[in-house]
């Protein structure tokens, strides 16, 4: 069985849901790159570096998984941010003393995220409203100070793809305390109902993109059109597998 796939220097981990209890205990940076973000790695050096230096890179993109299978005959398990969070929230229900630090894009989402986590029974919830980060020179000493003081078990970066991974690497490099940094972006909004109504069935059949497109066509049409750049990237790049 394939354990890793190396694409343009990025080590993707081929993980199973049954192994969740093992890797959730690991500290470090977990990233879930979507297809539009992956298609941009040749243009965004900071984003590319953040993915390369992550501790676990998941196969979040169903489109990327299909391209690997059809164009390179490489079969891997799709493991989306939605699927991960579904398991993670189940884990939190059983471990209610765990502390969670949620980095949110705005007040509305912050309130929704906090209420959702509170309903899971989590007692130690900390929210932080993210400023407008500059990708090329990302810095947030206030955030570092808060996390170092609180020492949370998990950090959820619930901001947009392309920025959250860069923020995640910044935290990994600069925090004095060790934590698990989960770059699942807007995936928590599928559970709070602030975004498209995705469920297990939709995720299982790789239809998350379609639901999001129907739910917000103006935003996601351009993103998914840009994702097509992944096709030549997969065709013309050598992809290595590790068993």
C-alpha atoms as a PDB file:
ATOM      1  CA  UNK A   1       0.000   0.000   0.000  1.00  0.00           C
ATOM      2  CA  UNK A   2       1.188   3.506  -0.827  1.00  0.00           C
ATOM      3  CA  UNK A   3       2.049   5.510   2.304  1.00  0.00           C
ATOM      4  CA  UNK A   4       3.218   8.732   0.651  1.00  0.00           C
ATOM      5  CA  UNK A   5       3.025  10.464  -2.713  1.00  0.00           C
ATOM      6  CA  UNK A   6       5.644  13.083  -3.549  1.00  0.00           C
ATOM      7  CA  UNK A   7       4.386  15.757  -5.950  1.00  0.00           C
ATOM      8  CA  UNK A   8       6.701  18.684  -6.713  1.00  0.00           C
ATOM      9  CA  UNK A   9       8.539  18.079  -3.450  1.00  0.00           C
ATOM     10  CA  UNK A  10       5.336  17.958  -1.362  1.00  0.00           C
ATOM     11  CA  UNK A  11       4.892  14.750   0.643  1.00  0.00           C
ATOM     12  CA  UNK A  12       1.217  13.812   0.678  1.00  0.00           C
ATOM     13  CA  UNK A  13       0.269  11.234   3.320  1.00  0.00           C
ATOM     14  CA  UNK A  14      -2.065   8.448   2.239  1.00  0.00           C
ATOM     15  CA  UNK A  15      -4.023   8.059   5.469  1.00  0.00           C
ATOM     16  CA  UNK A  16      -7.033   6.015   6.546  1.00  0.00           C
ATOM     17  CA  UNK A  17      -9.819   7.044   8.894  1.00  0.00           C
ATOM     18  CA  UNK A  18      -9.132   3.978  11.043  1.00  0.00           C
ATOM     19  CA  UNK A  19      -5.684   5.401  11.883  1.00  0.00           C
ATOM     20  CA  UNK A  20      -7.132   8.708  13.113  1.00  0.00           C
ATOM     21  CA  UNK A  21      -6.514   7.944  16.789  1.00  0.00           C
ATOM     22  CA  UNK A  22      -2.778   7.579  16.053  1.00  0.00           C
ATOM     23  CA  UNK A  23      -1.981  10.751  14.157  1.00  0.00           C
ATOM     24  CA  UNK A  24      -4.372  13.047  16.022  1.00  0.00           C
ATOM     25  CA  UNK A  25      -2.008  12.743  18.991  1.00  0.00           C
ATOM     26  CA  UNK A  26       0.906  14.094  16.945  1.00  0.00           C
ATOM     27  CA  UNK A  27       1.960  17.722  17.346  1.00  0.00           C
ATOM     28  CA  UNK A  28       2.678  19.830  14.315  1.00  0.00           C
ATOM     29  CA  UNK A  29       1.143  21.376  11.214  1.00  0.00           C
ATOM     30  CA  UNK A  30      -1.664  19.506   9.382  1.00  0.00           C
ATOM     31  CA  UNK A  31      -2.698  20.896   5.976  1.00  0.00           C
ATOM     32  CA  UNK A  32      -5.506  20.055   3.540  1.00  0.00           C
ATOM     33  CA  UNK A  33      -4.647  21.725   0.203  1.00  0.00           C
ATOM     34  CA  UNK A  34      -7.616  22.207  -2.116  1.00  0.00           C
ATOM     35  CA  UNK A  35      -7.282  21.965  -5.902  1.00  0.00           C
ATOM     36  CA  UNK A  36      -7.236  25.746  -6.609  1.00  0.00           C
ATOM     37  CA  UNK A  37      -4.492  26.236  -4.020  1.00  0.00           C
ATOM     38  CA  UNK A  38      -2.434  23.321  -5.368  1.00  0.00           C
ATOM     39  CA  UNK A  39      -2.711  24.786  -8.858  1.00  0.00           C
ATOM     40  CA  UNK A  40      -1.081  27.988  -7.551  1.00  0.00           C
ATOM     41  CA  UNK A  41       2.070  26.496  -6.001  1.00  0.00           C
ATOM     42  CA  UNK A  42       4.271  27.608  -8.904  1.00  0.00           C
ATOM     43  CA  UNK A  43       3.188  31.222  -8.359  1.00  0.00           C
ATOM     44  CA  UNK A  44       2.997  31.458  -4.577  1.00  0.00           C
ATOM     45  CA  UNK A  45       6.385  30.658  -3.047  1.00  0.00           C
ATOM     46  CA  UNK A  46       5.199  31.235   0.528  1.00  0.00           C
ATOM     47  CA  UNK A  47       2.219  28.935   0.124  1.00  0.00           C
ATOM     48  CA  UNK A  48       4.369  26.276  -1.535  1.00  0.00           C
ATOM     49  CA  UNK A  49       6.896  26.382   1.318  1.00  0.00           C
ATOM     50  CA  UNK A  50       4.154  26.102   3.931  1.00  0.00           C
ATOM     51  CA  UNK A  51       2.829  22.922   2.313  1.00  0.00           C
ATOM     52  CA  UNK A  52       6.292  21.424   1.879  1.00  0.00           C
ATOM     53  CA  UNK A  53       7.186  22.022   5.524  1.00  0.00           C
ATOM     54  CA  UNK A  54       3.916  20.719   6.995  1.00  0.00           C
ATOM     55  CA  UNK A  55       4.040  17.618   9.182  1.00  0.00           C
ATOM     56  CA  UNK A  56       1.016  15.957   7.577  1.00  0.00           C
ATOM     57  CA  UNK A  57      -0.398  16.771   4.131  1.00  0.00           C
ATOM     58  CA  UNK A  58      -3.807  15.238   3.425  1.00  0.00           C
ATOM     59  CA  UNK A  59      -5.452  14.393   0.098  1.00  0.00           C
ATOM     60  CA  UNK A  60      -8.231  16.948   0.498  1.00  0.00           C
ATOM     61  CA  UNK A  61      -8.855  17.478  -3.213  1.00  0.00           C
ATOM     62  CA  UNK A  62     -11.001  14.862  -4.932  1.00  0.00           C
ATOM     63  CA  UNK A  63      -9.954  16.352  -8.284  1.00  0.00           C
ATOM     64  CA  UNK A  64      -6.273  15.789  -7.490  1.00  0.00           C
ATOM     65  CA  UNK A  65      -6.995  12.228  -6.326  1.00  0.00           C
ATOM     66  CA  UNK A  66      -8.825  11.500  -9.604  1.00  0.00           C
ATOM     67  CA  UNK A  67      -6.017  12.990 -11.692  1.00  0.00           C
ATOM     68  CA  UNK A  68      -3.471  10.785  -9.938  1.00  0.00           C
ATOM     69  CA  UNK A  69      -5.606   7.728 -10.603  1.00  0.00           C
ATOM     70  CA  UNK A  70      -6.446   8.499 -14.238  1.00  0.00           C
ATOM     71  CA  UNK A  71      -3.183  10.032 -15.419  1.00  0.00           C
ATOM     72  CA  UNK A  72      -0.558   8.289 -13.261  1.00  0.00           C
ATOM     73  CA  UNK A  73      -2.315   5.067 -12.167  1.00  0.00           C
ATOM     74  CA  UNK A  74      -1.745   6.022  -8.518  1.00  0.00           C
ATOM     75  CA  UNK A  75      -4.594   5.132  -6.145  1.00  0.00           C
ATOM     76  CA  UNK A  76      -4.800   6.991  -2.840  1.00  0.00           C
ATOM     77  CA  UNK A  77      -7.462   7.736  -0.227  1.00  0.00           C
ATOM     78  CA  UNK A  78      -9.245  11.065  -0.416  1.00  0.00           C
ATOM     79  CA  UNK A  79      -9.190  12.568   3.077  1.00  0.00           C
ATOM     80  CA  UNK A  80     -10.949  15.923   3.015  1.00  0.00           C
ATOM     81  CA  UNK A  81     -10.970  18.603   5.665  1.00  0.00           C
ATOM     82  CA  UNK A  82     -14.669  17.821   6.141  1.00  0.00           C
ATOM     83  CA  UNK A  83     -13.957  14.134   6.781  1.00  0.00           C
ATOM     84  CA  UNK A  84     -11.124  14.977   9.163  1.00  0.00           C
ATOM     85  CA  UNK A  85     -13.216  17.437  11.165  1.00  0.00           C
ATOM     86  CA  UNK A  86     -16.072  14.938  11.361  1.00  0.00           C
ATOM     87  CA  UNK A  87     -13.664  12.526  13.077  1.00  0.00           C
ATOM     88  CA  UNK A  88     -12.051  15.304  15.087  1.00  0.00           C
ATOM     89  CA  UNK A  89     -15.362  16.523  16.507  1.00  0.00           C
ATOM     90  CA  UNK A  90     -16.192  12.971  17.500  1.00  0.00           C
ATOM     91  CA  UNK A  91     -12.823  12.836  19.253  1.00  0.00           C
ATOM     92  CA  UNK A  92     -13.566  16.096  21.087  1.00  0.00           C
ATOM     93  CA  UNK A  93     -16.886  14.736  22.364  1.00  0.00           C
ATOM     94  CA  UNK A  94     -14.984  11.960  24.103  1.00  0.00           C
ATOM     95  CA  UNK A  95     -12.190  14.246  25.354  1.00  0.00           C
ATOM     96  CA  UNK A  96     -13.991  17.323  26.652  1.00  0.00           C
ATOM     97  CA  UNK A  97     -11.068  18.613  28.718  1.00  0.00           C
ATOM     98  CA  UNK A  98      -9.081  19.382  25.568  1.00  0.00           C
ATOM     99  CA  UNK A  99      -8.491  23.069  24.807  1.00  0.00           C
ATOM    100  CA  UNK A 100      -9.212  24.480  21.338  1.00  0.00           C
ATOM    101  CA  UNK A 101      -7.981  27.828  19.981  1.00  0.00           C
ATOM    102  CA  UNK A 102     -10.083  28.959  17.002  1.00  0.00           C
ATOM    103  CA  UNK A 103      -8.716  31.567  14.581  1.00  0.00           C
ATOM    104  CA  UNK A 104     -11.728  33.024  12.781  1.00  0.00           C
ATOM    105  CA  UNK A 105     -12.225  35.306   9.745  1.00  0.00           C
ATOM    106  CA  UNK A 106     -15.002  37.498  11.201  1.00  0.00           C
ATOM    107  CA  UNK A 107     -17.284  37.972  14.211  1.00  0.00           C
ATOM    108  CA  UNK A 108     -20.240  36.058  12.715  1.00  0.00           C
ATOM    109  CA  UNK A 109     -18.187  32.941  11.992  1.00  0.00           C
ATOM    110  CA  UNK A 110     -16.393  33.255  15.311  1.00  0.00           C
ATOM    111  CA  UNK A 111     -19.690  33.187  17.175  1.00  0.00           C
ATOM    112  CA  UNK A 112     -20.930  30.204  15.144  1.00  0.00           C
ATOM    113  CA  UNK A 113     -17.686  28.293  15.650  1.00  0.00           C
ATOM    114  CA  UNK A 114     -17.676  28.935  19.377  1.00  0.00           C
ATOM    115  CA  UNK A 115     -21.300  27.848  19.794  1.00  0.00           C
ATOM    116  CA  UNK A 116     -20.679  24.694  17.774  1.00  0.00           C
ATOM    117  CA  UNK A 117     -17.656  23.700  19.852  1.00  0.00           C
ATOM    118  CA  UNK A 118     -19.525  24.566  23.034  1.00  0.00           C
ATOM    119  CA  UNK A 119     -22.369  22.254  22.003  1.00  0.00           C
ATOM    120  CA  UNK A 120     -19.844  19.438  21.686  1.00  0.00           C
ATOM    121  CA  UNK A 121     -19.186  19.851  25.382  1.00  0.00           C
ATOM    122  CA  UNK A 122     -15.790  21.526  25.051  1.00  0.00           C
ATOM    123  CA  UNK A 123     -15.134  23.764  28.042  1.00  0.00           C
ATOM    124  CA  UNK A 124     -11.840  25.384  27.020  1.00  0.00           C
ATOM    125  CA  UNK A 125     -12.589  27.357  23.846  1.00  0.00           C
ATOM    126  CA  UNK A 126     -10.610  30.425  22.804  1.00  0.00           C
ATOM    127  CA  UNK A 127     -11.475  32.570  19.781  1.00  0.00           C
ATOM    128  CA  UNK A 128      -9.330  35.060  17.911  1.00  0.00           C
ATOM    129  CA  UNK A 129     -10.417  37.334  15.056  1.00  0.00           C
ATOM    130  CA  UNK A 130      -7.735  37.217  12.383  1.00  0.00           C
ATOM    131  CA  UNK A 131      -6.580  40.546  10.908  1.00  0.00           C
ATOM    132  CA  UNK A 132      -6.084  40.958   7.166  1.00  0.00           C
ATOM    133  CA  UNK A 133      -2.819  39.066   6.768  1.00  0.00           C
ATOM    134  CA  UNK A 134      -0.242  39.929   4.116  1.00  0.00           C
ATOM    135  CA  UNK A 135       0.930  36.700   2.507  1.00  0.00           C
ATOM    136  CA  UNK A 136       4.425  37.954   1.662  1.00  0.00           C
ATOM    137  CA  UNK A 137       5.153  39.286   5.127  1.00  0.00           C
ATOM    138  CA  UNK A 138       2.828  37.513   7.533  1.00  0.00           C
ATOM    139  CA  UNK A 139       3.327  38.382  11.189  1.00  0.00           C
ATOM    140  CA  UNK A 140       1.050  38.440  14.238  1.00  0.00           C
ATOM    141  CA  UNK A 141       2.835  38.860  17.569  1.00  0.00           C
ATOM    142  CA  UNK A 142      -0.437  39.397  19.419  1.00  0.00           C
ATOM    143  CA  UNK A 143      -1.618  35.968  18.291  1.00  0.00           C
ATOM    144  CA  UNK A 144       1.696  34.377  19.293  1.00  0.00           C
ATOM    145  CA  UNK A 145       1.444  35.925  22.745  1.00  0.00           C
ATOM    146  CA  UNK A 146      -2.093  34.666  23.295  1.00  0.00           C
ATOM    147  CA  UNK A 147      -1.319  31.112  22.194  1.00  0.00           C
ATOM    148  CA  UNK A 148       1.907  30.941  24.223  1.00  0.00           C
ATOM    149  CA  UNK A 149      -0.055  32.040  27.283  1.00  0.00           C
ATOM    150  CA  UNK A 150      -3.017  29.704  26.791  1.00  0.00           C
ATOM    151  CA  UNK A 151      -1.042  26.672  25.528  1.00  0.00           C
ATOM    152  CA  UNK A 152      -3.993  25.082  23.672  1.00  0.00           C
ATOM    153  CA  UNK A 153      -4.006  21.436  22.586  1.00  0.00           C
ATOM    154  CA  UNK A 154      -5.364  22.299  19.137  1.00  0.00           C
ATOM    155  CA  UNK A 155      -5.347  25.392  16.940  1.00  0.00           C
ATOM    156  CA  UNK A 156      -7.992  25.673  14.211  1.00  0.00           C
ATOM    157  CA  UNK A 157      -7.103  28.124  11.440  1.00  0.00           C
ATOM    158  CA  UNK A 158     -10.562  28.786  10.022  1.00  0.00           C
ATOM    159  CA  UNK A 159      -9.467  31.333   7.415  1.00  0.00           C
ATOM    160  CA  UNK A 160      -9.105  31.131   3.648  1.00  0.00           C
ATOM    161  CA  UNK A 161      -6.905  28.655   1.817  1.00  0.00           C
ATOM    162  CA  UNK A 162      -3.591  30.065   0.661  1.00  0.00           C
ATOM    163  CA  UNK A 163      -3.265  32.170   3.825  1.00  0.00           C
ATOM    164  CA  UNK A 164      -4.079  29.698   6.579  1.00  0.00           C
ATOM    165  CA  UNK A 165      -1.204  27.389   5.634  1.00  0.00           C
ATOM    166  CA  UNK A 166       1.264  30.290   5.653  1.00  0.00           C
ATOM    167  CA  UNK A 167      -0.119  31.323   9.044  1.00  0.00           C
ATOM    168  CA  UNK A 168       0.180  27.718  10.206  1.00  0.00           C
ATOM    169  CA  UNK A 169       3.859  27.554   9.284  1.00  0.00           C
ATOM    170  CA  UNK A 170       4.438  30.940  10.946  1.00  0.00           C
ATOM    171  CA  UNK A 171       2.928  29.581  14.154  1.00  0.00           C
ATOM    172  CA  UNK A 172       4.897  26.352  13.945  1.00  0.00           C
ATOM    173  CA  UNK A 173       8.161  28.279  13.603  1.00  0.00           C
ATOM    174  CA  UNK A 174       7.515  30.951  16.206  1.00  0.00           C
ATOM    175  CA  UNK A 175       5.420  29.448  18.998  1.00  0.00           C
ATOM    176  CA  UNK A 176       7.221  28.543  22.200  1.00  0.00           C
ATOM    177  CA  UNK A 177       4.632  25.878  22.997  1.00  0.00           C
ATOM    178  CA  UNK A 178       3.862  22.788  20.929  1.00  0.00           C
ATOM    179  CA  UNK A 179       0.368  22.358  19.597  1.00  0.00           C
ATOM    180  CA  UNK A 180      -1.483  20.672  16.737  1.00  0.00           C
ATOM    181  CA  UNK A 181      -2.250  23.251  14.051  1.00  0.00           C
ATOM    182  CA  UNK A 182      -5.174  22.223  11.831  1.00  0.00           C
ATOM    183  CA  UNK A 183      -5.451  24.146   8.563  1.00  0.00           C
ATOM    184  CA  UNK A 184      -8.954  23.013   7.626  1.00  0.00           C
ATOM    185  CA  UNK A 185     -10.048  26.486   6.536  1.00  0.00           C
ATOM    186  CA  UNK A 186     -13.765  26.940   6.027  1.00  0.00           C
ATOM    187  CA  UNK A 187     -14.559  23.247   6.550  1.00  0.00           C
ATOM    188  CA  UNK A 188     -15.952  23.928  10.020  1.00  0.00           C
ATOM    189  CA  UNK A 189     -18.614  26.056   8.323  1.00  0.00           C
ATOM    190  CA  UNK A 190     -20.096  22.917   6.758  1.00  0.00           C
ATOM    191  CA  UNK A 191     -20.966  21.857  10.312  1.00  0.00           C
ATOM    192  CA  UNK A 192     -22.115  25.262  11.579  1.00  0.00           C
ATOM    193  CA  UNK A 193     -24.221  25.695   8.389  1.00  0.00           C
ATOM    194  CA  UNK A 194     -22.520  28.993   7.527  1.00  0.00           C
ATOM    195  CA  UNK A 195     -21.484  27.498   4.188  1.00  0.00           C
ATOM    196  CA  UNK A 196     -22.759  24.983   1.638  1.00  0.00           C
ATOM    197  CA  UNK A 197     -24.701  22.023   3.122  1.00  0.00           C
ATOM    198  CA  UNK A 198     -22.116  19.273   2.639  1.00  0.00           C
ATOM    199  CA  UNK A 199     -22.664  15.897   4.296  1.00  0.00           C
ATOM    200  CA  UNK A 200     -20.961  12.493   4.425  1.00  0.00           C
ATOM    201  CA  UNK A 201     -22.601  11.272   1.212  1.00  0.00           C
ATOM    202  CA  UNK A 202     -21.617  14.371  -0.761  1.00  0.00           C
ATOM    203  CA  UNK A 203     -18.042  14.124   0.509  1.00  0.00           C
ATOM    204  CA  UNK A 204     -17.804  10.384  -0.165  1.00  0.00           C
ATOM    205  CA  UNK A 205     -18.710  10.802  -3.837  1.00  0.00           C
ATOM    206  CA  UNK A 206     -16.389  13.788  -4.414  1.00  0.00           C
ATOM    207  CA  UNK A 207     -19.305  16.186  -4.945  1.00  0.00           C
ATOM    208  CA  UNK A 208     -18.339  18.883  -2.471  1.00  0.00           C
ATOM    209  CA  UNK A 209     -17.168  21.118  -5.312  1.00  0.00           C
ATOM    210  CA  UNK A 210     -20.565  20.887  -7.033  1.00  0.00           C
ATOM    211  CA  UNK A 211     -22.547  21.758  -3.900  1.00  0.00           C
ATOM    212  CA  UNK A 212     -20.285  24.733  -3.187  1.00  0.00           C
ATOM    213  CA  UNK A 213     -20.587  25.856  -6.813  1.00  0.00           C
ATOM    214  CA  UNK A 214     -24.392  25.756  -6.637  1.00  0.00           C
ATOM    215  CA  UNK A 215     -24.383  27.453  -3.249  1.00  0.00           C
ATOM    216  CA  UNK A 216     -22.056  30.303  -4.317  1.00  0.00           C
ATOM    217  CA  UNK A 217     -21.355  30.208  -8.096  1.00  0.00           C
ATOM    218  CA  UNK A 218     -19.774  33.675  -8.339  1.00  0.00           C
ATOM    219  CA  UNK A 219     -17.001  32.756  -5.908  1.00  0.00           C
ATOM    220  CA  UNK A 220     -16.325  29.134  -6.759  1.00  0.00           C
ATOM    221  CA  UNK A 221     -16.638  29.122 -10.569  1.00  0.00           C
ATOM    222  CA  UNK A 222     -13.362  31.039 -10.984  1.00  0.00           C
ATOM    223  CA  UNK A 223     -11.635  28.931  -8.339  1.00  0.00           C
ATOM    224  CA  UNK A 224     -12.573  25.638  -9.924  1.00  0.00           C
ATOM    225  CA  UNK A 225     -11.755  26.886 -13.415  1.00  0.00           C
ATOM    226  CA  UNK A 226      -8.281  27.752 -12.119  1.00  0.00           C
ATOM    227  CA  UNK A 227      -8.000  24.200 -10.746  1.00  0.00           C
ATOM    228  CA  UNK A 228      -7.744  22.890 -14.319  1.00  0.00           C
ATOM    229  CA  UNK A 229      -4.106  24.016 -14.261  1.00  0.00           C
ATOM    230  CA  UNK A 230      -3.497  20.912 -12.170  1.00  0.00           C
ATOM    231  CA  UNK A 231      -4.011  18.708 -15.237  1.00  0.00           C
ATOM    232  CA  UNK A 232      -0.754  19.607 -17.057  1.00  0.00           C
ATOM    233  CA  UNK A 233       1.044  19.829 -13.708  1.00  0.00           C
ATOM    234  CA  UNK A 234       0.194  16.189 -12.986  1.00  0.00           C
ATOM    235  CA  UNK A 235       0.928  15.080 -16.573  1.00  0.00           C
ATOM    236  CA  UNK A 236       4.341  16.715 -16.935  1.00  0.00           C
ATOM    237  CA  UNK A 237       5.761  16.243 -13.442  1.00  0.00           C
ATOM    238  CA  UNK A 238       7.342  13.072 -12.171  1.00  0.00           C
ATOM    239  CA  UNK A 239       5.410  11.769  -9.180  1.00  0.00           C
ATOM    240  CA  UNK A 240       7.068   9.398  -6.737  1.00  0.00           C
ATOM    241  CA  UNK A 241       5.298   6.937  -4.452  1.00  0.00           C
ATOM    242  CA  UNK A 242       6.581   5.432  -1.208  1.00  0.00           C
ATOM    243  CA  UNK A 243       5.159   2.185   0.173  1.00  0.00           C
END
